[in-house]
Amino acid sequence: MIQPYYIVQGNYGVQFDFVVIDGQGNIVNLTGASLTFKAQDANDPTQTDLPLTGSMVIDSATAGTCHYLVANGDFPNPGTFNAQIDITPSGGGLISIPNLTVIVKPGLPQANN
């Protein structure tokens, strides 16, 4: 997993790739699971989740690979964003993959001050 993930503000169609492993380094089988990608501005004192509309896709359930496809409007402002993946296995429960970082760079043109 490459960290952090970089994107330019307003860009979409960008894919963030993941391999989900557990605390012992074993691949997590994602068969039948549902996944949600969550993010919030690292400097937002309200700790409010962004209203993301992109989709988490399981690429190979048995290999634990998945990706988030950034949708139009997901990251409209530059900044650093804390992110995590929430996994709901088919048998129930919740597994969270924390400590992901997305850095959104300002788009051009920028003022030369």
N, C-alpha and C. Protein backbone atom coordinates (compact mmCIF):
# COMPACT_ATOMS: atom_id res chain seq x y z
N MET A 1 0.85 -1.17 0.00
CA MET A 1 0.00 0.00 0.00
C MET A 1 0.90 1.23 0.00
N ILE A 2 0.73 2.07 -0.99
CA ILE A 2 1.51 3.30 -1.08
C ILE A 2 0.81 4.37 -0.27
N GLN A 3 1.58 5.03 0.60
CA GLN A 3 1.02 6.08 1.45
C GLN A 3 1.89 7.31 1.34
N PRO A 4 1.41 8.49 1.42
CA PRO A 4 -0.01 8.83 1.33
C PRO A 4 -0.49 8.79 -0.12
N TYR A 5 -1.80 8.95 -0.29
CA TYR A 5 -2.40 9.04 -1.61
C TYR A 5 -2.49 10.51 -1.98
N TYR A 6 -2.04 10.88 -3.18
CA TYR A 6 -2.07 12.27 -3.63
C TYR A 6 -3.09 12.43 -4.74
N ILE A 7 -3.75 13.59 -4.72
CA ILE A 7 -4.71 13.94 -5.76
C ILE A 7 -4.73 15.47 -5.86
N VAL A 8 -5.09 15.99 -7.02
CA VAL A 8 -5.24 17.44 -7.21
C VAL A 8 -6.70 17.78 -6.97
N GLN A 9 -6.94 18.89 -6.25
CA GLN A 9 -8.31 19.27 -5.90
C GLN A 9 -9.19 19.28 -7.15
N GLY A 10 -10.38 18.74 -7.01
CA GLY A 10 -11.35 18.70 -8.10
C GLY A 10 -11.17 17.55 -9.06
N ASN A 11 -10.03 16.83 -8.99
CA ASN A 11 -9.84 15.69 -9.88
C ASN A 11 -10.75 14.54 -9.45
N TYR A 12 -11.15 13.73 -10.41
CA TYR A 12 -11.95 12.54 -10.12
C TYR A 12 -11.64 11.48 -11.16
N GLY A 13 -12.09 10.27 -10.90
CA GLY A 13 -11.74 9.14 -11.74
C GLY A 13 -10.40 8.55 -11.33
N VAL A 14 -9.80 9.08 -10.27
CA VAL A 14 -8.55 8.58 -9.73
C VAL A 14 -8.85 7.35 -8.88
N GLN A 15 -7.98 6.36 -8.95
CA GLN A 15 -8.20 5.11 -8.21
C GLN A 15 -7.14 4.96 -7.12
N PHE A 16 -7.59 4.76 -5.88
CA PHE A 16 -6.70 4.45 -4.76
C PHE A 16 -6.75 2.93 -4.56
N ASP A 17 -5.62 2.25 -4.73
CA ASP A 17 -5.57 0.79 -4.63
C ASP A 17 -5.15 0.34 -3.23
N PHE A 18 -5.74 -0.76 -2.76
CA PHE A 18 -5.47 -1.29 -1.43
C PHE A 18 -5.34 -2.81 -1.47
N VAL A 19 -4.50 -3.33 -0.57
CA VAL A 19 -4.47 -4.76 -0.24
C VAL A 19 -4.75 -4.81 1.25
N VAL A 20 -5.83 -5.48 1.64
CA VAL A 20 -6.26 -5.51 3.04
C VAL A 20 -5.59 -6.68 3.74
N ILE A 21 -4.81 -6.33 4.80
CA ILE A 21 -4.15 -7.36 5.60
C ILE A 21 -4.52 -7.15 7.07
N ASP A 22 -4.48 -8.23 7.84
CA ASP A 22 -4.81 -8.12 9.26
C ASP A 22 -3.55 -7.77 10.06
N GLY A 23 -3.68 -7.70 11.37
CA GLY A 23 -2.59 -7.33 12.25
C GLY A 23 -1.41 -8.30 12.24
N GLN A 24 -1.63 -9.51 11.77
CA GLN A 24 -0.56 -10.50 11.70
C GLN A 24 0.06 -10.57 10.30
N GLY A 25 -0.38 -9.68 9.41
CA GLY A 25 0.16 -9.65 8.06
C GLY A 25 -0.50 -10.61 7.09
N ASN A 26 -1.64 -11.20 7.48
CA ASN A 26 -2.38 -12.12 6.61
C ASN A 26 -3.38 -11.35 5.75
N ILE A 27 -3.52 -11.79 4.52
CA ILE A 27 -4.51 -11.19 3.62
C ILE A 27 -5.91 -11.46 4.15
N VAL A 28 -6.77 -10.44 4.14
CA VAL A 28 -8.16 -10.57 4.57
C VAL A 28 -9.00 -10.96 3.36
N ASN A 29 -9.73 -12.06 3.47
CA ASN A 29 -10.62 -12.51 2.40
C ASN A 29 -11.87 -11.62 2.43
N LEU A 30 -12.13 -10.94 1.32
CA LEU A 30 -13.24 -9.99 1.24
C LEU A 30 -14.50 -10.59 0.61
N THR A 31 -14.56 -11.91 0.46
CA THR A 31 -15.71 -12.55 -0.16
C THR A 31 -16.99 -12.21 0.62
N GLY A 32 -17.97 -11.65 -0.07
CA GLY A 32 -19.25 -11.31 0.54
C GLY A 32 -19.24 -10.06 1.40
N ALA A 33 -18.11 -9.38 1.51
CA ALA A 33 -18.02 -8.20 2.37
C ALA A 33 -18.51 -6.95 1.64
N SER A 34 -18.91 -5.96 2.42
CA SER A 34 -19.20 -4.64 1.86
C SER A 34 -18.17 -3.67 2.44
N LEU A 35 -17.71 -2.73 1.61
CA LEU A 35 -16.65 -1.83 2.00
C LEU A 35 -17.09 -0.38 1.85
N THR A 36 -16.63 0.47 2.76
CA THR A 36 -16.92 1.90 2.72
C THR A 36 -15.61 2.65 2.94
N PHE A 37 -15.36 3.66 2.10
CA PHE A 37 -14.20 4.53 2.26
C PHE A 37 -14.67 5.81 2.91
N LYS A 38 -14.01 6.20 4.01
CA LYS A 38 -14.39 7.40 4.75
C LYS A 38 -13.19 8.33 4.84
N ALA A 39 -13.45 9.64 4.84
CA ALA A 39 -12.37 10.62 4.98
C ALA A 39 -12.89 11.85 5.68
N GLN A 40 -11.97 12.53 6.39
CA GLN A 40 -12.31 13.80 7.02
C GLN A 40 -11.06 14.68 7.00
N ASP A 41 -11.30 15.99 6.94
CA ASP A 41 -10.21 16.96 6.94
C ASP A 41 -9.44 16.84 8.25
N ALA A 42 -8.12 16.67 8.17
CA ALA A 42 -7.31 16.50 9.37
C ALA A 42 -7.32 17.73 10.26
N ASN A 43 -7.69 18.88 9.70
CA ASN A 43 -7.70 20.13 10.48
C ASN A 43 -9.11 20.59 10.85
N ASP A 44 -10.11 19.76 10.61
CA ASP A 44 -11.50 20.12 10.93
C ASP A 44 -11.79 19.78 12.39
N PRO A 45 -11.98 20.81 13.24
CA PRO A 45 -12.22 20.52 14.66
C PRO A 45 -13.53 19.77 14.91
N THR A 46 -14.48 19.79 13.94
CA THR A 46 -15.75 19.08 14.12
C THR A 46 -15.62 17.59 13.78
N GLN A 47 -14.50 17.21 13.16
CA GLN A 47 -14.26 15.82 12.76
C GLN A 47 -15.42 15.24 11.94
N THR A 48 -15.91 16.04 11.00
CA THR A 48 -17.03 15.65 10.16
C THR A 48 -16.54 14.88 8.94
N ASP A 49 -17.16 13.72 8.66
CA ASP A 49 -16.81 12.96 7.46
C ASP A 49 -17.17 13.74 6.22
N LEU A 50 -16.33 13.63 5.18
CA LEU A 50 -16.66 14.23 3.89
C LEU A 50 -17.81 13.45 3.27
N PRO A 51 -18.66 14.14 2.51
CA PRO A 51 -19.76 13.42 1.83
C PRO A 51 -19.26 12.77 0.54
N LEU A 52 -18.49 11.69 0.67
CA LEU A 52 -17.91 11.02 -0.50
C LEU A 52 -18.97 10.24 -1.25
N THR A 53 -18.89 10.30 -2.59
CA THR A 53 -19.88 9.58 -3.40
C THR A 53 -19.22 8.56 -4.34
N GLY A 54 -17.90 8.42 -4.25
CA GLY A 54 -17.21 7.42 -5.05
C GLY A 54 -17.54 6.02 -4.57
N SER A 55 -16.93 5.04 -5.19
CA SER A 55 -17.28 3.67 -4.81
C SER A 55 -16.06 2.84 -4.47
N MET A 56 -16.24 1.98 -3.46
CA MET A 56 -15.25 0.97 -3.11
C MET A 56 -15.58 -0.26 -3.94
N VAL A 57 -14.56 -0.82 -4.56
CA VAL A 57 -14.74 -1.98 -5.43
C VAL A 57 -13.78 -3.08 -4.97
N ILE A 58 -14.29 -4.28 -4.84
CA ILE A 58 -13.44 -5.43 -4.53
C ILE A 58 -12.92 -5.97 -5.86
N ASP A 59 -11.59 -5.97 -6.02
CA ASP A 59 -10.99 -6.44 -7.26
C ASP A 59 -10.80 -7.96 -7.23
N SER A 60 -10.22 -8.48 -6.15
CA SER A 60 -10.06 -9.92 -5.95
C SER A 60 -10.32 -10.19 -4.47
N ALA A 61 -11.47 -10.77 -4.19
CA ALA A 61 -11.86 -11.00 -2.79
C ALA A 61 -10.84 -11.88 -2.06
N THR A 62 -10.40 -12.96 -2.69
CA THR A 62 -9.49 -13.88 -2.02
C THR A 62 -8.08 -13.31 -1.86
N ALA A 63 -7.72 -12.36 -2.72
CA ALA A 63 -6.40 -11.72 -2.62
C ALA A 63 -6.46 -10.46 -1.75
N GLY A 64 -7.66 -10.10 -1.27
CA GLY A 64 -7.81 -8.93 -0.40
C GLY A 64 -7.59 -7.61 -1.10
N THR A 65 -7.72 -7.58 -2.42
CA THR A 65 -7.46 -6.34 -3.14
C THR A 65 -8.77 -5.61 -3.45
N CYS A 66 -8.69 -4.30 -3.32
CA CYS A 66 -9.85 -3.45 -3.58
C CYS A 66 -9.35 -2.06 -3.96
N HIS A 67 -10.27 -1.21 -4.38
CA HIS A 67 -9.90 0.16 -4.68
C HIS A 67 -11.07 1.10 -4.43
N TYR A 68 -10.72 2.38 -4.22
CA TYR A 68 -11.73 3.44 -4.13
C TYR A 68 -11.59 4.28 -5.38
N LEU A 69 -12.69 4.50 -6.07
CA LEU A 69 -12.72 5.33 -7.28
C LEU A 69 -13.29 6.70 -6.90
N VAL A 70 -12.43 7.71 -6.94
CA VAL A 70 -12.83 9.07 -6.54
C VAL A 70 -13.87 9.62 -7.52
N ALA A 71 -14.96 10.14 -6.96
CA ALA A 71 -16.05 10.70 -7.75
C ALA A 71 -15.91 12.22 -7.85
N ASN A 72 -16.58 12.79 -8.82
CA ASN A 72 -16.61 14.24 -9.00
C ASN A 72 -17.17 14.89 -7.72
N GLY A 73 -16.41 15.83 -7.14
CA GLY A 73 -16.84 16.53 -5.94
C GLY A 73 -16.34 15.94 -4.64
N ASP A 74 -15.66 14.80 -4.68
CA ASP A 74 -15.20 14.16 -3.44
C ASP A 74 -14.18 15.01 -2.68
N PHE A 75 -13.22 15.59 -3.36
CA PHE A 75 -12.16 16.37 -2.71
C PHE A 75 -12.05 17.75 -3.35
N PRO A 76 -13.01 18.66 -3.04
CA PRO A 76 -13.02 19.97 -3.70
C PRO A 76 -12.01 20.97 -3.15
N ASN A 77 -11.45 20.70 -1.97
CA ASN A 77 -10.53 21.65 -1.34
C ASN A 77 -9.19 21.01 -1.06
N PRO A 78 -8.10 21.80 -1.16
CA PRO A 78 -6.79 21.25 -0.82
C PRO A 78 -6.67 21.00 0.68
N GLY A 79 -5.76 20.13 1.05
CA GLY A 79 -5.53 19.84 2.46
C GLY A 79 -5.11 18.40 2.68
N THR A 80 -4.96 18.06 3.94
CA THR A 80 -4.62 16.70 4.34
C THR A 80 -5.86 16.08 4.97
N PHE A 81 -6.16 14.87 4.54
CA PHE A 81 -7.37 14.20 4.99
C PHE A 81 -7.02 12.84 5.60
N ASN A 82 -7.57 12.59 6.79
CA ASN A 82 -7.46 11.28 7.41
C ASN A 82 -8.53 10.39 6.79
N ALA A 83 -8.17 9.13 6.52
CA ALA A 83 -9.13 8.24 5.88
C ALA A 83 -9.05 6.84 6.49
N GLN A 84 -10.11 6.07 6.26
CA GLN A 84 -10.12 4.67 6.67
C GLN A 84 -11.09 3.90 5.79
N ILE A 85 -10.90 2.59 5.77
CA ILE A 85 -11.82 1.69 5.08
C ILE A 85 -12.57 0.92 6.14
N ASP A 86 -13.89 0.91 6.07
CA ASP A 86 -14.72 0.09 6.96
C ASP A 86 -15.19 -1.12 6.16
N ILE A 87 -14.95 -2.30 6.72
CA ILE A 87 -15.32 -3.55 6.06
C ILE A 87 -16.36 -4.25 6.92
N THR A 88 -17.50 -4.58 6.31
CA THR A 88 -18.52 -5.37 6.98
C THR A 88 -18.48 -6.76 6.35
N PRO A 89 -17.91 -7.75 7.06
CA PRO A 89 -17.84 -9.11 6.51
C PRO A 89 -19.24 -9.70 6.33
N SER A 90 -19.33 -10.72 5.47
CA SER A 90 -20.64 -11.34 5.20
C SER A 90 -21.26 -11.92 6.46
N GLY A 91 -20.45 -12.35 7.41
CA GLY A 91 -20.96 -12.92 8.65
C GLY A 91 -21.28 -11.90 9.73
N GLY A 92 -21.09 -10.62 9.42
CA GLY A 92 -21.36 -9.56 10.39
C GLY A 92 -20.11 -9.05 11.04
N GLY A 93 -20.26 -8.04 11.83
CA GLY A 93 -19.13 -7.40 12.49
C GLY A 93 -18.65 -6.19 11.71
N LEU A 94 -17.55 -5.60 12.15
CA LEU A 94 -16.97 -4.44 11.49
C LEU A 94 -15.47 -4.48 11.67
N ILE A 95 -14.75 -4.34 10.56
CA ILE A 95 -13.30 -4.26 10.58
C ILE A 95 -12.93 -2.92 9.96
N SER A 96 -12.17 -2.10 10.69
CA SER A 96 -11.75 -0.80 10.16
C SER A 96 -10.26 -0.83 9.87
N ILE A 97 -9.89 -0.30 8.71
CA ILE A 97 -8.50 -0.14 8.32
C ILE A 97 -8.20 1.36 8.45
N PRO A 98 -7.55 1.77 9.56
CA PRO A 98 -7.33 3.19 9.83
C PRO A 98 -5.99 3.67 9.27
N ASN A 99 -5.66 4.90 9.62
CA ASN A 99 -4.35 5.50 9.36
C ASN A 99 -4.00 5.67 7.89
N LEU A 100 -5.02 5.90 7.06
CA LEU A 100 -4.78 6.22 5.66
C LEU A 100 -4.75 7.74 5.54
N THR A 101 -3.95 8.25 4.62
CA THR A 101 -3.84 9.69 4.43
C THR A 101 -4.02 10.02 2.96
N VAL A 102 -4.85 11.03 2.68
CA VAL A 102 -5.02 11.57 1.34
C VAL A 102 -4.58 13.03 1.38
N ILE A 103 -3.66 13.39 0.50
CA ILE A 103 -3.20 14.78 0.40
C ILE A 103 -3.74 15.35 -0.89
N VAL A 104 -4.52 16.42 -0.76
CA VAL A 104 -5.13 17.08 -1.91
C VAL A 104 -4.34 18.35 -2.19
N LYS A 105 -3.70 18.39 -3.34
CA LYS A 105 -2.91 19.54 -3.76
C LYS A 105 -3.79 20.56 -4.47
N PRO A 106 -3.48 21.86 -4.33
CA PRO A 106 -4.27 22.88 -5.04
C PRO A 106 -4.13 22.70 -6.55
N GLY A 107 -5.22 22.95 -7.25
CA GLY A 107 -5.20 22.91 -8.70
C GLY A 107 -4.62 24.22 -9.26
N LEU A 108 -4.16 24.17 -10.50
CA LEU A 108 -3.65 25.37 -11.16
C LEU A 108 -4.77 26.04 -11.93
N PRO A 109 -4.75 27.33 -12.17
CA PRO A 109 -3.65 28.24 -11.86
C PRO A 109 -3.71 28.70 -10.40
N GLN A 110 -2.53 29.04 -9.87
CA GLN A 110 -2.41 29.59 -8.53
C GLN A 110 -1.75 30.95 -8.61
N ALA A 111 -2.11 31.82 -7.68
CA ALA A 111 -1.49 33.13 -7.62
C ALA A 111 -0.03 32.98 -7.22
N ASN A 112 0.85 33.77 -7.82
CA ASN A 112 2.28 33.74 -7.48
C ASN A 112 2.57 34.85 -6.48
N ASN A 113 2.28 34.62 -5.23
CA ASN A 113 2.50 35.65 -4.20
C ASN A 113 3.76 35.36 -3.44
